[in-house]
N, C-alpha and C. Protein backbone atom coordinates (compact mmCIF):
# COMPACT_ATOMS: atom_id res chain seq x y z
N UNK A 1 0.83 -1.18 0.00
CA UNK A 1 0.00 0.00 0.00
C UNK A 1 0.88 1.25 0.00
N UNK A 2 0.64 2.13 -0.92
CA UNK A 2 1.38 3.39 -1.00
C UNK A 2 0.65 4.47 -0.20
N UNK A 3 1.42 5.39 0.32
CA UNK A 3 0.88 6.47 1.15
C UNK A 3 1.03 7.81 0.45
N UNK A 4 0.14 8.74 0.76
CA UNK A 4 0.21 10.08 0.19
C UNK A 4 1.30 10.88 0.90
N UNK A 5 1.71 11.96 0.28
CA UNK A 5 2.71 12.85 0.86
C UNK A 5 2.25 13.33 2.24
N UNK A 6 1.00 13.76 2.34
CA UNK A 6 0.49 14.27 3.61
C UNK A 6 0.45 13.20 4.69
N UNK A 7 0.07 11.99 4.34
CA UNK A 7 0.05 10.90 5.32
C UNK A 7 1.45 10.64 5.87
N UNK A 8 2.43 10.63 4.99
CA UNK A 8 3.81 10.34 5.41
C UNK A 8 4.35 11.49 6.26
N UNK A 9 4.12 12.71 5.85
CA UNK A 9 4.58 13.86 6.64
C UNK A 9 4.01 13.78 8.06
N UNK A 10 2.70 13.52 8.15
CA UNK A 10 2.05 13.44 9.45
C UNK A 10 2.66 12.33 10.31
N UNK A 11 2.84 11.16 9.71
CA UNK A 11 3.37 10.03 10.48
C UNK A 11 4.83 10.27 10.90
N UNK A 12 5.65 10.79 9.99
CA UNK A 12 7.04 11.08 10.33
C UNK A 12 7.13 12.15 11.41
N UNK A 13 6.33 13.20 11.29
CA UNK A 13 6.35 14.25 12.31
C UNK A 13 5.90 13.72 13.67
N UNK A 14 4.90 12.88 13.66
CA UNK A 14 4.42 12.28 14.92
C UNK A 14 5.52 11.43 15.55
N UNK A 15 6.23 10.70 14.72
CA UNK A 15 7.31 9.82 15.18
C UNK A 15 8.43 10.65 15.80
N UNK A 16 8.83 11.70 15.10
CA UNK A 16 9.90 12.57 15.60
C UNK A 16 9.49 13.21 16.92
N UNK A 17 8.27 13.73 16.96
CA UNK A 17 7.80 14.39 18.18
C UNK A 17 7.71 13.42 19.35
N UNK A 18 7.20 12.23 19.10
CA UNK A 18 7.08 11.23 20.16
C UNK A 18 8.44 10.83 20.73
N UNK A 19 9.44 10.78 19.88
CA UNK A 19 10.76 10.32 20.30
C UNK A 19 11.75 11.46 20.47
N UNK A 20 11.25 12.65 20.53
CA UNK A 20 12.08 13.84 20.66
C UNK A 20 13.08 13.70 21.80
N UNK A 21 14.32 13.96 21.48
CA UNK A 21 15.35 13.92 22.50
C UNK A 21 15.90 12.53 22.79
N UNK A 22 15.31 11.50 22.20
CA UNK A 22 15.76 10.14 22.47
C UNK A 22 17.10 9.85 21.80
N UNK A 23 17.36 10.48 20.66
CA UNK A 23 18.59 10.25 19.90
C UNK A 23 19.10 11.59 19.38
N UNK A 24 20.38 11.69 19.10
CA UNK A 24 20.94 12.97 18.69
C UNK A 24 20.78 13.33 17.21
N UNK A 25 20.67 12.39 16.31
CA UNK A 25 20.73 12.71 14.89
C UNK A 25 19.69 11.98 14.06
N UNK A 26 18.80 12.74 13.40
CA UNK A 26 17.82 12.16 12.50
C UNK A 26 18.34 12.24 11.07
N UNK A 27 18.04 11.21 10.28
CA UNK A 27 18.39 11.17 8.86
C UNK A 27 17.13 10.88 8.06
N UNK A 28 17.06 11.42 6.85
CA UNK A 28 15.94 11.16 5.95
C UNK A 28 16.52 10.81 4.58
N UNK A 29 15.82 9.94 3.86
CA UNK A 29 16.30 9.55 2.54
C UNK A 29 15.21 8.94 1.70
N UNK A 30 15.53 8.71 0.44
CA UNK A 30 14.63 8.05 -0.50
C UNK A 30 15.38 6.89 -1.15
N UNK A 31 14.63 5.89 -1.59
CA UNK A 31 15.26 4.72 -2.20
C UNK A 31 14.21 3.87 -2.89
N UNK A 32 14.67 2.90 -3.63
CA UNK A 32 13.77 1.96 -4.27
C UNK A 32 13.47 0.77 -3.38
N UNK A 33 14.41 0.41 -2.54
CA UNK A 33 14.28 -0.75 -1.66
C UNK A 33 14.71 -0.36 -0.25
N UNK A 34 13.73 -0.08 0.59
CA UNK A 34 14.03 0.41 1.93
C UNK A 34 14.78 -0.61 2.78
N UNK A 35 14.41 -1.87 2.65
CA UNK A 35 15.10 -2.91 3.42
C UNK A 35 16.60 -2.92 3.09
N UNK A 36 16.91 -2.85 1.81
CA UNK A 36 18.31 -2.85 1.37
C UNK A 36 19.02 -1.58 1.85
N UNK A 37 18.40 -0.45 1.62
CA UNK A 37 19.04 0.82 1.98
C UNK A 37 19.30 0.93 3.48
N UNK A 38 18.35 0.53 4.27
CA UNK A 38 18.48 0.70 5.72
C UNK A 38 19.27 -0.42 6.40
N UNK A 39 18.91 -1.64 6.10
CA UNK A 39 19.45 -2.75 6.89
C UNK A 39 20.63 -3.46 6.24
N UNK A 40 20.57 -3.73 4.97
CA UNK A 40 21.68 -4.42 4.32
C UNK A 40 22.91 -3.52 4.25
N UNK A 41 22.70 -2.22 4.15
CA UNK A 41 23.83 -1.28 4.12
C UNK A 41 24.45 -1.15 5.51
N UNK A 42 23.80 -1.68 6.51
CA UNK A 42 24.21 -1.62 7.90
C UNK A 42 24.19 -0.21 8.48
N UNK A 43 23.46 0.69 7.82
CA UNK A 43 23.31 2.04 8.37
C UNK A 43 22.41 2.01 9.59
N UNK A 44 21.48 1.06 9.60
CA UNK A 44 20.50 0.99 10.67
C UNK A 44 20.50 -0.40 11.29
N UNK A 45 20.49 -0.43 12.59
CA UNK A 45 20.37 -1.68 13.33
C UNK A 45 18.89 -1.85 13.66
N UNK A 46 18.31 -2.91 13.16
CA UNK A 46 16.87 -3.17 13.34
C UNK A 46 16.44 -3.14 14.80
N UNK A 47 17.30 -3.60 15.68
CA UNK A 47 16.96 -3.73 17.09
C UNK A 47 17.30 -2.49 17.93
N UNK A 48 18.39 -1.81 17.61
CA UNK A 48 18.85 -0.71 18.47
C UNK A 48 18.45 0.67 18.00
N UNK A 49 18.26 0.84 16.70
CA UNK A 49 17.98 2.17 16.17
C UNK A 49 16.48 2.42 16.01
N UNK A 50 16.16 3.67 15.86
CA UNK A 50 14.79 4.10 15.63
C UNK A 50 14.65 4.34 14.13
N UNK A 51 13.67 3.71 13.50
CA UNK A 51 13.53 3.83 12.05
C UNK A 51 12.07 3.68 11.63
N UNK A 52 11.80 4.20 10.44
CA UNK A 52 10.47 4.13 9.86
C UNK A 52 10.60 4.36 8.37
N UNK A 53 9.85 3.61 7.57
CA UNK A 53 9.83 3.88 6.14
C UNK A 53 8.45 3.64 5.58
N UNK A 54 8.15 4.34 4.50
CA UNK A 54 6.84 4.24 3.86
C UNK A 54 6.99 4.26 2.35
N UNK A 55 6.21 3.45 1.64
CA UNK A 55 6.19 3.54 0.18
C UNK A 55 5.29 4.71 -0.24
N UNK A 56 5.70 5.41 -1.28
CA UNK A 56 4.92 6.55 -1.78
C UNK A 56 4.23 6.18 -3.10
N UNK A 57 3.45 7.11 -3.59
CA UNK A 57 2.74 6.90 -4.84
C UNK A 57 3.64 7.09 -6.06
N UNK A 58 4.74 7.84 -5.90
CA UNK A 58 5.66 8.10 -7.01
C UNK A 58 7.00 8.58 -6.47
N UNK A 59 8.01 8.57 -7.34
CA UNK A 59 9.32 9.08 -6.96
C UNK A 59 9.22 10.58 -6.64
N UNK A 60 8.37 11.27 -7.35
CA UNK A 60 8.17 12.70 -7.09
C UNK A 60 7.60 12.92 -5.69
N UNK A 61 6.68 12.07 -5.28
CA UNK A 61 6.11 12.17 -3.93
C UNK A 61 7.18 11.91 -2.87
N UNK A 62 8.02 10.91 -3.11
CA UNK A 62 9.11 10.60 -2.17
C UNK A 62 10.06 11.79 -2.05
N UNK A 63 10.41 12.39 -3.19
CA UNK A 63 11.30 13.55 -3.18
C UNK A 63 10.66 14.73 -2.45
N UNK A 64 9.36 14.88 -2.58
CA UNK A 64 8.64 15.96 -1.91
C UNK A 64 8.73 15.82 -0.39
N UNK A 65 8.51 14.61 0.10
CA UNK A 65 8.62 14.37 1.55
C UNK A 65 10.05 14.60 2.01
N UNK A 66 10.99 14.06 1.26
CA UNK A 66 12.43 14.22 1.56
C UNK A 66 12.79 15.71 1.67
N UNK A 67 12.41 16.49 0.67
CA UNK A 67 12.73 17.92 0.64
C UNK A 67 12.06 18.66 1.81
N UNK A 68 10.83 18.29 2.12
CA UNK A 68 10.12 18.92 3.23
C UNK A 68 10.90 18.77 4.53
N UNK A 69 11.35 17.57 4.84
CA UNK A 69 12.04 17.34 6.11
C UNK A 69 13.44 17.96 6.12
N UNK A 70 14.06 18.03 4.98
CA UNK A 70 15.37 18.69 4.93
C UNK A 70 15.23 20.20 5.07
N UNK A 71 14.35 20.78 4.28
CA UNK A 71 14.21 22.24 4.27
C UNK A 71 13.54 22.78 5.52
N UNK A 72 12.51 22.14 5.98
CA UNK A 72 11.73 22.65 7.10
C UNK A 72 12.36 22.34 8.46
N UNK A 73 12.96 21.15 8.59
CA UNK A 73 13.47 20.73 9.89
C UNK A 73 14.98 20.49 9.91
N UNK A 74 15.64 20.64 8.78
CA UNK A 74 17.10 20.51 8.73
C UNK A 74 17.61 19.09 8.95
N UNK A 75 16.79 18.08 8.65
CA UNK A 75 17.26 16.70 8.81
C UNK A 75 18.39 16.42 7.83
N UNK A 76 19.33 15.64 8.27
CA UNK A 76 20.47 15.27 7.43
C UNK A 76 20.06 14.26 6.37
N UNK A 77 20.72 14.32 5.23
CA UNK A 77 20.49 13.32 4.19
C UNK A 77 21.18 12.03 4.60
N UNK A 78 20.45 10.93 4.58
CA UNK A 78 21.03 9.64 4.90
C UNK A 78 22.02 9.27 3.80
N UNK A 79 23.24 8.88 4.16
CA UNK A 79 24.21 8.49 3.14
C UNK A 79 23.72 7.34 2.27
N UNK A 80 22.82 6.51 2.79
CA UNK A 80 22.31 5.38 2.03
C UNK A 80 21.10 5.75 1.18
N UNK A 81 20.78 7.05 1.11
CA UNK A 81 19.69 7.53 0.27
C UNK A 81 20.06 7.31 -1.20
N UNK A 82 19.10 6.84 -1.99
CA UNK A 82 19.35 6.52 -3.40
C UNK A 82 18.27 7.14 -4.27
N UNK A 83 18.32 8.48 -4.48
CA UNK A 83 17.29 9.12 -5.29
C UNK A 83 17.31 8.65 -6.74
N UNK A 84 16.19 8.74 -7.39
CA UNK A 84 16.09 8.36 -8.79
C UNK A 84 14.66 8.02 -9.16
N UNK A 85 14.43 7.67 -10.41
CA UNK A 85 13.07 7.40 -10.87
C UNK A 85 12.41 6.19 -10.20
N UNK A 86 13.22 5.28 -9.65
CA UNK A 86 12.67 4.10 -8.97
C UNK A 86 12.60 4.26 -7.46
N UNK A 87 12.94 5.43 -6.97
CA UNK A 87 12.96 5.68 -5.53
C UNK A 87 11.56 6.02 -5.04
N UNK A 88 10.77 4.99 -4.77
CA UNK A 88 9.39 5.17 -4.35
C UNK A 88 9.20 5.11 -2.84
N UNK A 89 10.27 4.87 -2.10
CA UNK A 89 10.19 4.78 -0.63
C UNK A 89 10.90 5.98 -0.01
N UNK A 90 10.35 6.43 1.09
CA UNK A 90 10.99 7.47 1.87
C UNK A 90 11.20 6.89 3.27
N UNK A 91 12.35 7.18 3.85
CA UNK A 91 12.65 6.61 5.17
C UNK A 91 13.22 7.66 6.11
N UNK A 92 13.13 7.34 7.37
CA UNK A 92 13.58 8.20 8.44
C UNK A 92 14.26 7.29 9.46
N UNK A 93 15.41 7.70 9.94
CA UNK A 93 16.00 6.93 11.03
C UNK A 93 16.83 7.82 11.93
N UNK A 94 17.02 7.33 13.11
CA UNK A 94 17.79 8.03 14.11
C UNK A 94 18.72 7.01 14.74
N UNK A 95 19.98 7.14 14.45
CA UNK A 95 20.96 6.18 14.97
C UNK A 95 21.80 6.84 16.04
N UNK A 96 22.01 6.14 17.09
CA UNK A 96 22.85 6.64 18.16
C UNK A 96 24.31 6.41 17.78
N UNK A 97 25.06 7.48 17.51
CA UNK A 97 26.45 7.32 17.08
C UNK A 97 27.35 6.76 18.18
N UNK A 98 26.87 6.72 19.40
CA UNK A 98 27.69 6.22 20.49
C UNK A 98 27.63 4.70 20.62
N UNK A 99 26.75 4.05 19.86
CA UNK A 99 26.63 2.60 19.93
C UNK A 99 27.57 1.96 18.94
N UNK A 100 28.51 1.18 19.43
CA UNK A 100 29.46 0.39 18.66
C UNK A 100 29.65 0.67 17.18
N UNK A 101 30.42 1.66 16.82
CA UNK A 101 30.78 1.90 15.43
C UNK A 101 29.67 2.49 14.58
N UNK A 102 28.67 3.06 15.17
CA UNK A 102 27.53 3.60 14.41
C UNK A 102 27.99 4.66 13.41
N UNK A 103 28.84 5.58 13.83
CA UNK A 103 29.27 6.66 12.94
C UNK A 103 29.93 6.11 11.69
N UNK A 104 30.80 5.13 11.86
CA UNK A 104 31.49 4.54 10.72
C UNK A 104 30.52 3.81 9.80
N UNK A 105 29.57 3.08 10.38
CA UNK A 105 28.60 2.34 9.57
C UNK A 105 27.70 3.29 8.80
N UNK A 106 27.26 4.37 9.44
CA UNK A 106 26.39 5.34 8.76
C UNK A 106 27.16 6.00 7.64
N UNK A 107 28.38 6.39 7.89
CA UNK A 107 29.18 7.07 6.87
C UNK A 107 29.50 6.15 5.70
N UNK A 108 29.57 4.86 5.95
CA UNK A 108 29.97 3.90 4.90
C UNK A 108 28.81 3.42 4.04
N UNK A 109 27.60 3.69 4.43
CA UNK A 109 26.48 3.11 3.67
C UNK A 109 26.31 3.76 2.31
C-alpha cells in the first residue's frame, strides 16, 4: 500500500515528536528498496535504532517528503539515500552514534 505525501509527513512528524530527544541525529532519505538501503547497508540496526519507512505513490512524492524534512526541519540526508526514478520509498532513522561503530557504519552506507 502506497501512502500520500500528507500521510507520510504526518506520520514522520508524529514519530519525531514522540521520540524527541531520544537520539541525537535524524536522517531522511529516498530509495527503491528500503530494506536494502536501511538494513543491508548496515546504516540501521533493526533492534537498536529508531527507524520508519513508507512507500509513496511516485518518486516525485518521495522527493517531496524528503525535501520537506530537509528544508523545514534541517534533517540530514542519509548516506544510504538513493534518489532516482525508482525511488518510491521514503525513510527516516535516528541512529545513536555512540553505539558500537555507528558513525562509521552510517558514513559507509
